[in-house]
Amino acid sequence: MNIIRLALFFAAVLFLPSPSGAESVSVSDAGDQTTVEVTVYNNNLGLIKDVRTVTLPSGEGELRFMDVASHIQPATVLVQSVRPSSGFTVLEQNYEYDLMNARKLLDKYVGKQIKIVDWNRFQDRKDVVEATLLANNEGQVYRIGEEIFLGHPGVKVLPELPGDLIAKPTLTWRFRNGYTEPQKLRVSYLTENIGWRADYVLLLNDDDTMADLSGWVTLDNRSGAAYRNARLKLVAGEVHRATPEPPGRDPMFQAKAMAEAEGFREEAFFEYHLYDLDRPTTIKDLQTKQIRLLEASGLGVTKELLVTSPRGFFNRRLQGPSPRQPVAAFLSFANKKENRLGRPLPAGIVRVYKEDSRGSRQFIGEDRIAHIPTGETVRLKTGESFDVVAERTQTDFKQVTRGRYETAWDVTLRNHKEEAVRVGVVERLTGHWKILTNSHDYRKVDAFSIRFDVSVPPDGETTVRYRVQVGL
C-alpha cells in the first residue's frame, strides 16, 4: 500500500506545472550568426539584418538575443523564423539596456554588506574589512563597526552579481515555438549613430586645365556593435522619417552609386539608389572605414576668378573709402562621359591638391558639394587670389525722386601676375533697376544680378564703370 501511494505521489509531482522561475532561458550571441547585412543611410541611421542559427525548446520560453547595437531603436525590431512551419512566434519583447558598471553595481548594494580589500604595504598583507554600504551618490558612505566612513581605500568586493543588470545590450523575447531542431531566425532593426558620406580628392595639373578625381566612401560606426564579414549596402536619397519628440534635425544628402568596376553595384530602389558592395567587410564599433568609390582621370577643368558685390548698398551714399574685395577662385568641371566622368556623384567634400615646382603635392582648398547627377556641372570654391586685387568706389550718388536713386561705380581690378587673367564681376542689385551707362558689356544672370567678364593685363589694371538707377 505504501509503495502504491509513493508511486502516485511521484506521478503527481511529475505532471505538476513548473514554476516560472524554473523556466529555461535560451541565449544567442554573435557566435550564432550565419549572415549579417548592414544598410547605411546618410542621416546617421543604419538597418541591421542579422540571421542566426538557434535551437529552442518546444512550447513557451525566453530567448536572450545578445550582441545588438547599443543605439538600437527597439520599436523597429522585426524577428521571423526562416522556417515558417516551426511555429515560432514572439509573444513579448523587452530591450535590456541597464548595463552594469561600478556605480550601478554599488547602487544595487546600498543597505547591504560588502567586503573591502586593501593592501597594507607597511605589513605587506591584505586587510579585509566588512562594511555596510549606506550611500553611493557623490562618493560612498560606509558603516564599519560603530563608525561611519566617508569613503574607504581598497577594492570593493561584492558577494554576487545582481540579476537585473546585464553586461551588454540584449533583446529579450518571450516566445512560443513548435520546432525543437536548429532553425534560423532573421532579425532586423534600425540603429542610430552609423552613417556614411562621400569624400573626394581632385589633383590639378600644372596649368589648371585638367585634373584626376578619386572618390571614397567614409563609413563611421558608433552604433555600439561590431558587424563581422557583413554585406554592406548604402542608401542615398531623401528618406522621410517621422519627427521625433522633441523635434530634431534630419539632414539627408541624396546621391547615387558608382560603377560596378569600383566595387559597388548600383541599382534604383523605390525613389532612392542603392549601393551594394560586392564583397563582405568587417565594420568594427568606434571605427571609421574608407572604401574606394571611383577613379576618373583626365577631366577637363575650368578655373574662374570672381568678384561679387555685397547686397543692399545701391540706395545709399557710402561714407569713407571702400575696403578691398576678395577675388574668389573657383574650379568647375562637367560631369559628362565626354569629360571622362558621367557618373552620379554623392554629396560630400572635394579636397583639391596640386604639385609644386618640385613635384610635392600641396593642398589648395576644399568645398562641399550636394548630389551631382550625370550631365550637371561641379563647381568648387578653392579660396581667394593673392595676386589679383579688387577695389570698389562709389563715384556718384543722387536721389532722383522719392524712392528712386541713381548711383555710379568703379570696380578696379589690379593684376600682379606675369600673365593676363580674366575676372568675372557680379553686381547684385535691388528693387527696380536699370543700367544707364556701362564701360564693358554685361549679361543678366538673374532678376537682380548682372555680370561683367573682363581681361586684366599682366602687371596691369582694368576698371569697370557703370551707372545704375534703382527704385524701391
Protein backbone atom coordinates (compact mmCIF):
# COMPACT_ATOMS: atom_id res chain seq x y z
CA MET A 1 0.00 0.00 0.00
CA ASN A 2 2.81 2.39 0.88
CA ILE A 3 4.55 1.58 -2.44
CA ILE A 4 1.37 2.45 -4.38
CA ARG A 5 0.98 5.74 -2.51
CA LEU A 6 4.63 6.64 -3.17
CA ALA A 7 4.23 5.91 -6.89
CA LEU A 8 1.12 8.11 -7.10
CA PHE A 9 2.98 10.94 -5.31
CA PHE A 10 5.88 10.92 -7.78
CA ALA A 11 3.47 10.77 -10.73
CA ALA A 12 1.62 13.83 -9.42
CA VAL A 13 4.88 15.75 -8.95
CA LEU A 14 6.00 14.84 -12.47
CA PHE A 15 2.95 16.37 -14.11
CA LEU A 16 2.75 19.49 -11.96
CA PRO A 17 3.36 22.74 -13.96
CA SER A 18 6.90 24.01 -13.39
CA PRO A 19 7.24 27.37 -11.65
CA SER A 20 8.05 30.33 -13.88
CA GLY A 21 11.39 30.79 -12.17
CA ALA A 22 12.48 27.32 -13.35
CA GLU A 23 11.73 28.08 -17.00
CA SER A 24 14.80 27.56 -19.19
CA VAL A 25 16.37 30.62 -20.79
CA SER A 26 18.00 30.34 -24.22
CA VAL A 27 20.88 32.65 -25.15
CA SER A 28 22.11 33.69 -28.59
CA ASP A 29 25.20 35.82 -29.27
CA ALA A 30 27.29 36.85 -32.28
CA GLY A 31 28.79 33.36 -32.43
CA ASP A 32 25.46 32.07 -33.75
CA GLN A 33 25.46 34.44 -36.74
CA THR A 34 25.29 32.90 -40.19
CA THR A 35 24.96 36.18 -42.12
CA VAL A 36 24.72 39.86 -41.25
CA GLU A 37 23.76 42.68 -43.61
CA VAL A 38 24.21 46.38 -42.85
CA THR A 39 22.38 49.05 -44.85
CA VAL A 40 23.62 52.55 -44.02
CA TYR A 41 21.89 55.87 -44.69
CA ASN A 42 23.39 59.37 -44.81
CA ASN A 43 21.33 60.62 -41.86
CA ASN A 44 23.06 58.73 -39.04
CA LEU A 45 20.85 55.68 -39.44
CA GLY A 46 21.50 52.02 -40.19
CA LEU A 47 19.36 48.96 -40.89
CA ILE A 48 20.82 45.75 -39.42
CA LYS A 49 19.72 42.34 -40.72
CA ASP A 50 21.08 39.57 -38.51
CA VAL A 51 20.47 35.86 -39.27
CA ARG A 52 21.38 33.38 -36.52
CA THR A 53 21.00 29.63 -36.04
CA VAL A 54 19.39 28.80 -32.69
CA THR A 55 17.97 25.73 -31.00
CA LEU A 56 14.89 26.40 -28.90
CA PRO A 57 12.72 24.19 -26.71
CA SER A 58 9.15 23.43 -27.69
CA GLY A 59 6.41 25.49 -26.09
CA GLU A 60 6.86 28.86 -24.42
CA GLY A 61 10.24 30.11 -23.31
CA GLU A 62 12.62 33.06 -23.12
CA LEU A 63 15.37 33.93 -25.61
CA ARG A 64 18.08 36.47 -24.85
CA PHE A 65 19.33 37.86 -28.16
CA MET A 66 22.69 39.47 -27.35
CA ASP A 67 25.31 41.50 -29.26
CA VAL A 68 22.86 44.02 -30.69
CA ALA A 69 23.64 47.72 -31.23
CA SER A 70 23.51 49.82 -28.07
CA HIS A 71 21.77 52.58 -30.08
CA ILE A 72 19.06 50.24 -31.37
CA GLN A 73 15.52 51.56 -31.81
CA PRO A 74 13.56 48.78 -30.10
CA ALA A 75 10.25 49.67 -31.75
CA THR A 76 11.75 48.80 -35.16
CA VAL A 77 12.70 45.20 -34.33
CA LEU A 78 11.28 42.50 -36.61
CA VAL A 79 12.03 38.82 -35.92
CA GLN A 80 10.96 35.90 -38.11
CA SER A 81 11.90 32.27 -38.43
CA VAL A 82 13.30 31.32 -41.83
CA ARG A 83 11.30 28.11 -41.35
CA PRO A 84 7.67 29.29 -41.25
CA SER A 85 6.41 25.84 -40.22
CA SER A 86 8.36 25.98 -36.97
CA GLY A 87 5.56 27.88 -35.29
CA PHE A 88 7.99 30.39 -33.78
CA THR A 89 6.15 33.47 -32.51
CA VAL A 90 7.32 36.33 -30.31
CA LEU A 91 4.77 36.99 -27.56
CA GLU A 92 6.61 39.73 -25.69
CA GLN A 93 9.77 41.76 -26.26
CA ASN A 94 12.00 43.66 -23.84
CA TYR A 95 15.12 45.67 -24.55
CA GLU A 96 17.57 45.32 -21.68
CA TYR A 97 19.91 48.30 -21.66
CA ASP A 98 20.66 48.70 -17.94
CA LEU A 99 24.32 47.80 -18.47
CA MET A 100 26.46 47.04 -15.48
CA ASN A 101 29.24 49.36 -14.34
CA ALA A 102 30.89 50.04 -10.99
CA ARG A 103 28.42 52.74 -9.96
CA LYS A 104 25.32 50.69 -10.85
CA LEU A 105 26.71 47.60 -9.15
CA LEU A 106 27.29 49.53 -5.93
CA ASP A 107 23.82 51.10 -6.23
CA LYS A 108 22.35 47.60 -6.01
CA TYR A 109 24.17 47.00 -2.72
CA VAL A 110 23.10 50.14 -0.86
CA GLY A 111 21.96 48.95 2.58
CA LYS A 112 23.79 45.65 2.20
CA GLN A 113 27.08 44.28 3.45
CA ILE A 114 30.15 44.05 1.19
CA LYS A 115 33.86 43.47 1.64
CA ILE A 116 36.67 45.96 1.14
CA VAL A 117 40.12 44.51 0.40
CA ASP A 118 43.06 46.86 0.97
CA TRP A 119 46.77 46.14 0.62
CA ASN A 120 48.66 47.04 3.77
CA ARG A 121 52.03 48.00 2.34
CA PHE A 122 53.59 48.55 5.75
CA GLN A 123 52.92 44.99 6.87
CA ASP A 124 52.89 43.51 3.33
CA ARG A 125 49.48 41.89 3.68
CA LYS A 126 45.86 42.21 2.59
CA ASP A 127 43.38 43.66 5.06
CA VAL A 128 39.76 42.59 4.59
CA VAL A 129 37.03 44.79 6.11
CA GLU A 130 33.33 44.02 6.20
CA ALA A 131 31.25 47.17 5.66
CA THR A 132 27.64 48.15 5.12
CA LEU A 133 27.21 50.50 2.14
CA LEU A 134 24.90 53.32 3.27
CA ALA A 135 25.02 55.59 0.19
CA ASN A 136 26.57 55.72 -3.29
CA ASN A 137 25.78 59.21 -4.54
CA GLU A 138 28.74 61.57 -4.70
CA GLY A 139 31.13 59.07 -3.17
CA GLN A 140 30.48 56.09 -0.91
CA VAL A 141 29.37 56.17 2.74
CA TYR A 142 30.08 53.05 4.84
CA ARG A 143 29.23 51.78 8.31
CA ILE A 144 32.16 49.77 9.68
CA GLY A 145 31.51 48.56 13.19
CA GLU A 146 30.03 51.52 15.05
CA GLU A 147 31.67 54.21 12.89
CA ILE A 148 30.66 55.97 9.66
CA PHE A 149 33.31 56.25 6.94
CA LEU A 150 33.06 58.77 4.09
CA GLY A 151 34.85 56.67 1.52
CA HIS A 152 37.38 53.93 2.19
CA PRO A 153 40.52 52.83 0.34
CA GLY A 154 40.68 49.41 -1.23
CA VAL A 155 38.88 47.20 -3.71
CA LYS A 156 35.14 46.69 -3.16
CA VAL A 157 34.15 43.01 -3.33
CA LEU A 158 30.52 42.03 -3.94
CA PRO A 159 29.14 38.60 -2.99
CA GLU A 160 27.42 38.12 -6.39
CA LEU A 161 26.15 39.92 -9.49
CA PRO A 162 22.63 41.37 -9.28
CA GLY A 163 20.26 39.52 -11.59
CA ASP A 164 18.77 42.63 -13.18
CA LEU A 165 22.00 44.01 -14.63
CA ILE A 166 23.50 42.81 -17.92
CA ALA A 167 26.94 43.13 -19.47
CA LYS A 168 25.82 44.15 -22.97
CA PRO A 169 22.62 45.37 -24.70
CA THR A 170 20.20 42.48 -25.10
CA LEU A 171 16.84 41.86 -26.72
CA THR A 172 14.77 39.50 -24.58
CA TRP A 173 11.84 37.69 -26.19
CA ARG A 174 9.16 35.51 -24.64
CA PHE A 175 8.33 33.12 -27.46
CA ARG A 176 6.15 30.21 -28.44
CA ASN A 177 7.90 27.55 -30.51
CA GLY A 178 6.88 24.24 -32.05
CA TYR A 179 10.19 23.10 -33.59
CA THR A 180 13.00 21.65 -31.48
CA GLU A 181 15.58 21.25 -34.28
CA PRO A 182 18.05 24.08 -35.08
CA GLN A 183 16.38 26.87 -37.01
CA LYS A 184 17.42 30.23 -38.41
CA LEU A 185 15.97 33.46 -37.03
CA ARG A 186 16.06 36.54 -39.23
CA VAL A 187 16.19 39.69 -37.07
CA SER A 188 16.18 43.24 -38.40
CA TYR A 189 16.22 46.58 -36.63
CA LEU A 190 17.18 50.23 -37.08
CA THR A 191 20.04 51.75 -35.13
CA GLU A 192 21.35 55.26 -34.84
CA ASN A 193 24.96 56.50 -34.76
CA ILE A 194 26.08 54.89 -38.00
CA GLY A 195 26.35 56.84 -41.23
CA TRP A 196 28.32 57.41 -44.41
CA ARG A 197 29.47 60.23 -46.64
CA ALA A 198 31.49 60.67 -49.81
CA ASP A 199 34.98 62.19 -49.82
CA TYR A 200 36.81 63.19 -52.99
CA VAL A 201 40.37 64.15 -53.95
CA LEU A 202 40.93 66.32 -57.05
CA LEU A 203 44.52 66.60 -58.33
CA LEU A 204 45.15 69.54 -60.69
CA ASN A 205 47.72 69.61 -63.47
CA ASP A 206 50.33 72.38 -63.93
CA ASP A 207 48.21 74.82 -65.95
CA ASP A 208 44.91 74.16 -64.11
CA THR A 209 43.18 72.79 -67.20
CA MET A 210 42.91 69.08 -66.33
CA ALA A 211 42.54 67.01 -63.17
CA ASP A 212 42.27 63.48 -61.78
CA LEU A 213 39.39 62.65 -59.44
CA SER A 214 39.20 59.87 -56.86
CA GLY A 215 36.26 59.21 -54.55
CA TRP A 216 35.89 57.31 -51.29
CA VAL A 217 33.00 56.20 -49.11
CA THR A 218 33.69 57.13 -45.48
CA LEU A 219 31.71 54.95 -43.07
CA ASP A 220 31.51 55.92 -39.39
CA ASN A 221 30.20 53.30 -36.95
CA ARG A 222 29.37 54.41 -33.41
CA SER A 223 26.28 52.24 -33.03
CA GLY A 224 27.70 50.17 -30.17
CA ALA A 225 28.11 46.91 -32.09
CA ALA A 226 30.57 45.32 -34.50
CA TYR A 227 29.45 43.64 -37.74
CA ARG A 228 31.86 40.98 -38.95
CA ASN A 229 32.00 39.85 -42.57
CA ALA A 230 28.93 41.95 -43.22
CA ARG A 231 27.19 42.51 -46.52
CA LEU A 232 27.36 46.32 -46.84
CA LYS A 233 24.79 48.43 -48.65
CA LEU A 234 24.48 52.20 -48.81
CA VAL A 235 21.23 54.05 -49.47
CA ALA A 236 21.17 57.58 -50.87
CA GLY A 237 18.02 59.62 -51.21
CA GLU A 238 15.58 61.76 -49.29
CA VAL A 239 14.25 59.12 -46.89
CA HIS A 240 11.44 60.68 -44.87
CA ARG A 241 11.30 59.94 -41.16
CA ALA A 242 8.66 60.88 -38.61
CA THR A 243 9.68 63.84 -36.47
CA PRO A 244 10.91 62.64 -33.08
CA GLU A 245 9.96 64.19 -29.77
CA PRO A 246 11.47 66.69 -29.23
CA PRO A 247 11.89 67.63 -32.90
CA GLY A 248 15.39 67.34 -34.25
CA ARG A 249 17.30 67.84 -37.46
CA ASP A 250 17.13 65.07 -40.03
CA PRO A 251 19.74 66.01 -42.66
CA MET A 252 19.94 63.68 -45.61
CA PHE A 253 22.06 64.02 -48.72
CA GLN A 254 20.80 62.49 -51.93
CA ALA A 255 23.19 60.68 -54.21
CA LYS A 256 23.59 57.70 -56.50
CA ALA A 257 26.06 54.87 -56.76
CA MET A 258 29.26 54.41 -58.78
CA ALA A 259 30.13 51.93 -61.46
CA GLU A 260 30.36 48.22 -60.68
CA ALA A 261 34.06 48.27 -61.52
CA GLU A 262 34.69 50.33 -58.40
CA GLY A 263 33.39 47.62 -56.05
CA PHE A 264 29.83 48.93 -55.65
CA ARG A 265 26.88 47.77 -57.71
CA GLU A 266 24.23 50.45 -58.13
CA GLU A 267 20.52 49.90 -58.58
CA ALA A 268 17.39 52.00 -58.43
CA PHE A 269 15.37 51.17 -55.34
CA PHE A 270 11.95 52.81 -54.82
CA GLU A 271 12.73 56.54 -55.14
CA TYR A 272 16.32 56.13 -53.98
CA HIS A 273 19.53 54.50 -55.13
CA LEU A 274 21.26 51.56 -53.51
CA TYR A 275 24.99 50.85 -53.38
CA ASP A 276 25.89 47.19 -52.89
CA LEU A 277 29.50 46.32 -52.05
CA ASP A 278 30.46 43.19 -53.97
CA ARG A 279 32.45 41.67 -51.10
CA PRO A 280 31.94 41.22 -47.34
CA THR A 281 33.63 43.65 -44.98
CA THR A 282 34.03 43.91 -41.20
CA ILE A 283 32.72 47.09 -39.58
CA LYS A 284 34.12 47.49 -36.09
CA ASP A 285 32.49 49.59 -33.40
CA LEU A 286 34.04 53.07 -33.00
CA GLN A 287 35.68 52.70 -36.40
CA THR A 288 35.91 54.99 -39.41
CA LYS A 289 36.28 52.88 -42.57
CA GLN A 290 37.01 54.11 -46.10
CA ILE A 291 36.16 52.15 -49.24
CA ARG A 292 37.14 53.23 -52.74
CA LEU A 293 34.22 54.55 -54.75
CA LEU A 294 35.53 55.83 -58.08
CA GLU A 295 38.56 56.81 -60.17
CA ALA A 296 38.48 59.22 -63.12
CA SER A 297 41.48 60.81 -64.85
CA GLY A 298 41.96 63.49 -67.47
CA LEU A 299 38.93 65.63 -66.58
CA GLY A 300 38.71 68.98 -68.31
CA VAL A 301 38.70 71.74 -65.68
CA THR A 302 37.98 75.47 -65.86
CA LYS A 303 39.45 77.95 -63.38
CA GLU A 304 37.49 81.12 -62.66
CA LEU A 305 38.23 84.32 -60.69
CA LEU A 306 35.16 86.11 -59.41
CA VAL A 307 34.34 89.34 -57.56
CA THR A 308 30.84 89.60 -56.08
CA SER A 309 29.32 92.77 -54.66
CA PRO A 310 27.51 92.86 -51.33
CA ARG A 311 23.76 93.39 -51.39
CA GLY A 312 21.72 96.38 -50.23
CA PHE A 313 24.05 99.38 -50.71
CA PHE A 314 22.85 100.80 -54.04
CA ASN A 315 20.25 103.12 -52.45
CA ARG A 316 22.55 104.98 -50.07
CA ARG A 317 25.68 107.08 -50.07
CA LEU A 318 28.81 105.36 -48.82
CA GLN A 319 30.94 107.19 -46.27
CA GLY A 320 34.71 106.83 -46.46
CA PRO A 321 36.82 104.61 -48.74
CA SER A 322 35.54 101.21 -49.72
CA PRO A 323 37.58 98.25 -48.49
CA ARG A 324 39.24 95.87 -50.90
CA GLN A 325 37.03 93.00 -52.04
CA PRO A 326 38.19 89.37 -52.15
CA VAL A 327 38.72 87.80 -55.55
CA ALA A 328 37.46 84.23 -55.15
CA ALA A 329 38.97 81.31 -57.08
CA PHE A 330 36.63 78.60 -58.43
CA LEU A 331 37.17 75.33 -60.29
CA SER A 332 34.45 73.68 -62.35
CA PHE A 333 34.14 70.56 -64.48
CA ALA A 334 31.31 68.87 -66.35
CA ASN A 335 30.01 65.57 -65.02
CA LYS A 336 29.68 64.04 -68.51
CA LYS A 337 31.01 60.99 -70.31
CA GLU A 338 32.57 63.33 -72.87
CA ASN A 339 34.64 64.68 -69.96
CA ARG A 340 35.67 61.15 -68.85
CA LEU A 341 33.25 61.12 -65.93
CA GLY A 342 29.48 60.91 -66.40
CA ARG A 343 28.65 59.22 -63.07
CA PRO A 344 26.23 60.42 -60.40
CA LEU A 345 28.33 61.86 -57.57
CA PRO A 346 27.18 61.51 -53.94
CA ALA A 347 27.22 64.59 -51.76
CA GLY A 348 30.45 65.16 -49.86
CA ILE A 349 33.63 67.22 -49.61
CA VAL A 350 36.05 67.65 -52.51
CA ARG A 351 39.64 68.39 -51.46
CA VAL A 352 41.86 69.90 -54.13
CA TYR A 353 45.62 69.34 -54.46
CA LYS A 354 48.31 70.49 -56.87
CA GLU A 355 52.00 69.66 -57.25
CA ASP A 356 54.52 72.46 -56.79
CA SER A 357 57.62 73.06 -58.93
CA ARG A 358 59.48 70.29 -57.08
CA GLY A 359 56.72 67.73 -57.57
CA SER A 360 55.48 67.89 -53.98
CA ARG A 361 51.71 67.71 -53.63
CA GLN A 362 50.12 70.67 -51.80
CA PHE A 363 46.60 71.23 -50.51
CA ILE A 364 44.96 74.28 -52.15
CA GLY A 365 41.38 74.21 -50.82
CA GLU A 366 38.18 72.25 -50.35
CA ASP A 367 34.46 72.67 -50.87
CA ARG A 368 31.29 70.73 -50.15
CA ILE A 369 29.07 69.56 -52.99
CA ALA A 370 25.46 68.44 -52.99
CA HIS A 371 24.50 65.41 -55.08
CA ILE A 372 25.52 65.94 -58.69
CA PRO A 373 23.51 63.99 -61.29
CA THR A 374 25.05 62.95 -64.58
CA GLY A 375 25.17 65.86 -67.01
CA GLU A 376 25.46 68.60 -64.38
CA THR A 377 28.47 70.77 -63.54
CA VAL A 378 30.57 70.56 -60.37
CA ARG A 379 31.68 73.98 -59.09
CA LEU A 380 34.17 74.32 -56.23
CA LYS A 381 35.42 77.37 -54.36
CA THR A 382 39.06 76.75 -53.51
CA GLY A 383 40.00 80.07 -51.86
CA GLU A 384 40.92 83.67 -52.72
CA SER A 385 43.51 85.04 -55.13
CA PHE A 386 46.68 86.53 -53.64
CA ASP A 387 47.87 88.47 -56.72
CA VAL A 388 44.58 89.82 -58.09
CA VAL A 389 43.07 92.74 -56.16
CA ALA A 390 39.64 94.37 -56.48
CA GLU A 391 38.55 97.80 -55.18
CA ARG A 392 35.08 99.32 -55.37
CA THR A 393 34.46 103.09 -55.43
CA GLN A 394 31.16 104.94 -55.46
CA THR A 395 31.78 107.88 -57.85
CA ASP A 396 28.30 109.47 -57.75
CA PHE A 397 25.04 109.26 -55.83
CA LYS A 398 21.82 111.23 -56.06
CA GLN A 399 18.14 110.83 -55.21
CA VAL A 400 16.07 111.26 -58.37
CA THR A 401 12.62 111.06 -56.81
CA ARG A 402 11.14 109.69 -53.62
CA GLY A 403 12.19 106.04 -53.52
CA ARG A 404 14.36 106.26 -56.66
CA TYR A 405 18.16 106.64 -56.64
CA GLU A 406 20.97 106.93 -59.16
CA THR A 407 24.49 105.83 -58.38
CA ALA A 408 27.76 105.30 -60.28
CA TRP A 409 30.51 102.79 -59.54
CA ASP A 410 34.10 101.99 -60.44
CA VAL A 411 35.33 98.43 -59.85
CA THR A 412 39.11 98.45 -60.33
CA LEU A 413 40.92 95.15 -60.86
CA ARG A 414 44.72 95.02 -60.47
CA ASN A 415 46.69 92.01 -61.66
CA HIS A 416 50.14 91.39 -60.19
CA LYS A 417 50.74 88.16 -62.09
CA GLU A 418 53.09 87.79 -65.04
CA GLU A 419 50.23 86.62 -67.26
CA ALA A 420 46.84 88.11 -68.12
CA VAL A 421 43.78 86.95 -66.17
CA ARG A 422 40.07 87.06 -66.82
CA VAL A 423 37.87 88.12 -63.93
CA GLY A 424 34.09 87.98 -63.54
CA VAL A 425 32.47 90.92 -61.74
CA VAL A 426 29.00 90.13 -60.39
CA GLU A 427 26.87 93.07 -59.22
CA ARG A 428 23.87 92.18 -57.08
CA LEU A 429 21.20 94.86 -57.48
CA THR A 430 17.95 95.54 -55.63
CA GLY A 431 14.43 96.77 -56.41
CA HIS A 432 13.54 98.04 -59.90
CA TRP A 433 16.92 98.64 -61.50
CA LYS A 434 18.11 99.93 -64.85
CA ILE A 435 21.69 100.24 -66.16
CA LEU A 436 22.14 103.75 -67.62
CA THR A 437 25.77 103.60 -68.82
CA ASN A 438 28.47 100.90 -68.77
CA SER A 439 32.11 100.65 -69.86
CA HIS A 440 32.02 96.91 -70.60
CA ASP A 441 29.39 94.54 -71.87
CA TYR A 442 27.42 92.66 -69.26
CA ARG A 443 24.91 89.84 -69.15
CA LYS A 444 21.91 89.41 -66.86
CA VAL A 445 22.49 86.48 -64.51
CA ASP A 446 19.09 86.59 -62.80
CA ALA A 447 16.41 89.13 -61.84
CA PHE A 448 18.76 91.02 -59.52
CA SER A 449 22.29 90.26 -60.77
CA ILE A 450 24.45 91.28 -63.73
CA ARG A 451 27.93 90.06 -64.65
CA PHE A 452 30.88 91.68 -66.41
CA ASP A 453 33.68 89.42 -67.72
CA VAL A 454 36.86 91.45 -68.30
CA SER A 455 40.51 90.76 -69.05
CA VAL A 456 43.22 92.28 -66.89
CA PRO A 457 46.71 92.56 -68.44
CA PRO A 458 49.82 91.22 -66.69
CA ASP A 459 51.03 93.61 -64.00
CA GLY A 460 48.23 95.99 -65.04
CA GLU A 461 44.71 97.04 -64.14
CA THR A 462 41.23 97.32 -65.64
CA THR A 463 38.32 99.41 -64.34
CA VAL A 464 34.68 98.50 -64.85
CA ARG A 465 32.44 101.63 -64.76
CA TYR A 466 28.67 101.76 -64.78
CA ARG A 467 25.74 103.89 -63.65
CA VAL A 468 22.54 102.33 -62.37
CA GLN A 469 19.11 103.64 -61.37
CA VAL A 470 17.41 101.78 -58.54
CA GLY A 471 13.81 102.15 -57.44
CA LEU A 472 12.46 100.72 -54.23
